[in-house]
Amino acid sequence: MATLYLVMAMRAPGFTDAAIQPHRDFLDALRAAGQLHLTGGFSDGSGGAYVLCNVESLAEAQAIVATDPLVTMQASDLHVHEWLTR
């Protein structure tokens, strides 16, 4: 099975709705590139997660996530984990 990378995004205290559409556009670009497996928000509004696929390494996944508007706009704290699925 291919390696997946789980990205946990928790809203920062300074979260702004202005980051939502740029983040969605970012996810759409990942999907178009074949690198987005799954995405969704948490029902309590605290954040969300997405799963990267077709990425060569944790370092590459981290580099991709560093360009997410949630990061560049300092709207959320994102953490990337290599995900060992069964």
C-alpha atoms as a PDB file:
ATOM      1  CA  MET A   1       0.000   0.000   0.000  1.00  0.00           C
ATOM      2  CA  ALA A   2       1.193   3.507  -0.795  1.00  0.00           C
ATOM      3  CA  THR A   3       2.285   5.798   1.999  1.00  0.00           C
ATOM      4  CA  LEU A   4      -0.228   8.422   3.002  1.00  0.00           C
ATOM      5  CA  TYR A   5       0.335  11.621   4.962  1.00  0.00           C
ATOM      6  CA  LEU A   6      -2.288  12.862   7.401  1.00  0.00           C
ATOM      7  CA  VAL A   7      -2.413  16.630   7.810  1.00  0.00           C
ATOM      8  CA  MET A   8      -4.166  17.863  10.937  1.00  0.00           C
ATOM      9  CA  ALA A   9      -5.243  21.517  10.777  1.00  0.00           C
ATOM     10  CA  MET A  10      -6.375  23.143  14.001  1.00  0.00           C
ATOM     11  CA  ARG A  11      -7.629  26.730  13.895  1.00  0.00           C
ATOM     12  CA  ALA A  12      -5.339  29.262  15.534  1.00  0.00           C
ATOM     13  CA  PRO A  13      -6.711  31.956  17.859  1.00  0.00           C
ATOM     14  CA  GLY A  14      -6.294  34.476  15.019  1.00  0.00           C
ATOM     15  CA  PHE A  15      -8.208  32.360  12.472  1.00  0.00           C
ATOM     16  CA  THR A  16      -9.846  34.413   9.738  1.00  0.00           C
ATOM     17  CA  ASP A  17     -12.566  33.341   7.286  1.00  0.00           C
ATOM     18  CA  ALA A  18     -10.463  35.019   4.587  1.00  0.00           C
ATOM     19  CA  ALA A  19      -8.269  31.889   4.595  1.00  0.00           C
ATOM     20  CA  ILE A  20     -11.090  29.483   3.736  1.00  0.00           C
ATOM     21  CA  GLN A  21     -11.397  30.021  -0.039  1.00  0.00           C
ATOM     22  CA  PRO A  22      -7.621  30.155  -0.686  1.00  0.00           C
ATOM     23  CA  HIS A  23      -7.300  26.922   1.332  1.00  0.00           C
ATOM     24  CA  ARG A  24     -10.070  25.284  -0.728  1.00  0.00           C
ATOM     25  CA  ASP A  25      -8.351  26.424  -3.934  1.00  0.00           C
ATOM     26  CA  PHE A  26      -5.100  24.917  -2.616  1.00  0.00           C
ATOM     27  CA  LEU A  27      -6.877  21.601  -1.954  1.00  0.00           C
ATOM     28  CA  ASP A  28      -8.471  21.692  -5.437  1.00  0.00           C
ATOM     29  CA  ALA A  29      -4.997  22.097  -6.969  1.00  0.00           C
ATOM     30  CA  LEU A  30      -3.699  19.142  -4.945  1.00  0.00           C
ATOM     31  CA  ARG A  31      -6.672  17.039  -6.092  1.00  0.00           C
ATOM     32  CA  ALA A  32      -6.023  18.021  -9.738  1.00  0.00           C
ATOM     33  CA  ALA A  33      -2.373  16.981  -9.291  1.00  0.00           C
ATOM     34  CA  GLY A  34      -3.446  13.590  -7.920  1.00  0.00           C
ATOM     35  CA  GLN A  35      -2.022  14.326  -4.461  1.00  0.00           C
ATOM     36  CA  LEU A  36      -5.197  14.710  -2.370  1.00  0.00           C
ATOM     37  CA  HIS A  37      -6.842  11.515  -1.156  1.00  0.00           C
ATOM     38  CA  LEU A  38      -9.421  12.855   1.297  1.00  0.00           C
ATOM     39  CA  THR A  39     -10.329  16.074   3.081  1.00  0.00           C
ATOM     40  CA  GLY A  40     -12.898  17.353   5.539  1.00  0.00           C
ATOM     41  CA  GLY A  41     -13.666  19.622   8.452  1.00  0.00           C
ATOM     42  CA  PHE A  42     -14.428  18.703  12.050  1.00  0.00           C
ATOM     43  CA  SER A  43     -18.081  19.026  13.094  1.00  0.00           C
ATOM     44  CA  ASP A  44     -17.155  21.230  16.068  1.00  0.00           C
ATOM     45  CA  GLY A  45     -15.542  23.850  13.809  1.00  0.00           C
ATOM     46  CA  SER A  46     -12.118  23.495  15.453  1.00  0.00           C
ATOM     47  CA  GLY A  47     -10.336  22.604  12.234  1.00  0.00           C
ATOM     48  CA  GLY A  48     -10.049  19.703   9.841  1.00  0.00           C
ATOM     49  CA  ALA A  49      -7.746  17.259   8.159  1.00  0.00           C
ATOM     50  CA  TYR A  50      -6.599  16.138   4.770  1.00  0.00           C
ATOM     51  CA  VAL A  51      -4.690  13.160   3.470  1.00  0.00           C
ATOM     52  CA  LEU A  52      -1.911  13.512   0.921  1.00  0.00           C
ATOM     53  CA  CYS A  53      -1.072  10.694  -1.476  1.00  0.00           C
ATOM     54  CA  ASN A  54       1.452  10.220  -4.289  1.00  0.00           C
ATOM     55  CA  VAL A  55       4.034  12.130  -2.258  1.00  0.00           C
ATOM     56  CA  GLU A  56       7.575  10.714  -2.078  1.00  0.00           C
ATOM     57  CA  SER A  57       8.498  11.493   1.536  1.00  0.00           C
ATOM     58  CA  LEU A  58       7.521  13.144   4.767  1.00  0.00           C
ATOM     59  CA  ALA A  59       9.822  16.036   3.862  1.00  0.00           C
ATOM     60  CA  GLU A  60       7.968  16.545   0.566  1.00  0.00           C
ATOM     61  CA  ALA A  61       4.613  16.400   2.364  1.00  0.00           C
ATOM     62  CA  GLN A  62       5.836  19.009   4.854  1.00  0.00           C
ATOM     63  CA  ALA A  63       7.021  21.229   2.004  1.00  0.00           C
ATOM     64  CA  ILE A  64       3.601  21.004   0.331  1.00  0.00           C
ATOM     65  CA  VAL A  65       1.796  21.804   3.576  1.00  0.00           C
ATOM     66  CA  ALA A  66       4.061  24.805   4.185  1.00  0.00           C
ATOM     67  CA  THR A  67       2.440  26.429   1.126  1.00  0.00           C
ATOM     68  CA  ASP A  68      -1.137  25.902   2.362  1.00  0.00           C
ATOM     69  CA  PRO A  69      -2.830  29.299   2.833  1.00  0.00           C
ATOM     70  CA  LEU A  70      -3.855  28.177   6.325  1.00  0.00           C
ATOM     71  CA  VAL A  71      -0.134  28.237   7.102  1.00  0.00           C
ATOM     72  CA  THR A  72       0.937  31.248   5.063  1.00  0.00           C
ATOM     73  CA  MET A  73      -1.947  33.317   6.467  1.00  0.00           C
ATOM     74  CA  GLN A  74      -1.212  32.026   9.994  1.00  0.00           C
ATOM     75  CA  ALA A  75      -4.849  30.941  10.322  1.00  0.00           C
ATOM     76  CA  SER A  76      -4.234  27.397  11.578  1.00  0.00           C
ATOM     77  CA  ASP A  77      -1.582  25.152  13.059  1.00  0.00           C
ATOM     78  CA  LEU A  78      -0.869  22.261  10.695  1.00  0.00           C
ATOM     79  CA  HIS A  79       0.929  19.041  11.573  1.00  0.00           C
ATOM     80  CA  VAL A  80       1.924  16.338   9.094  1.00  0.00           C
ATOM     81  CA  HIS A  81       2.138  12.669  10.020  1.00  0.00           C
ATOM     82  CA  GLU A  82       3.170   9.665   7.943  1.00  0.00           C
ATOM     83  CA  TRP A  83       0.069   7.515   8.232  1.00  0.00           C
ATOM     84  CA  LEU A  84       0.435   3.747   8.403  1.00  0.00           C
ATOM     85  CA  THR A  85      -2.991   2.499   7.334  1.00  0.00           C
ATOM     86  CA  ARG A  86      -4.290  -1.064   7.387  1.00  0.00           C
END
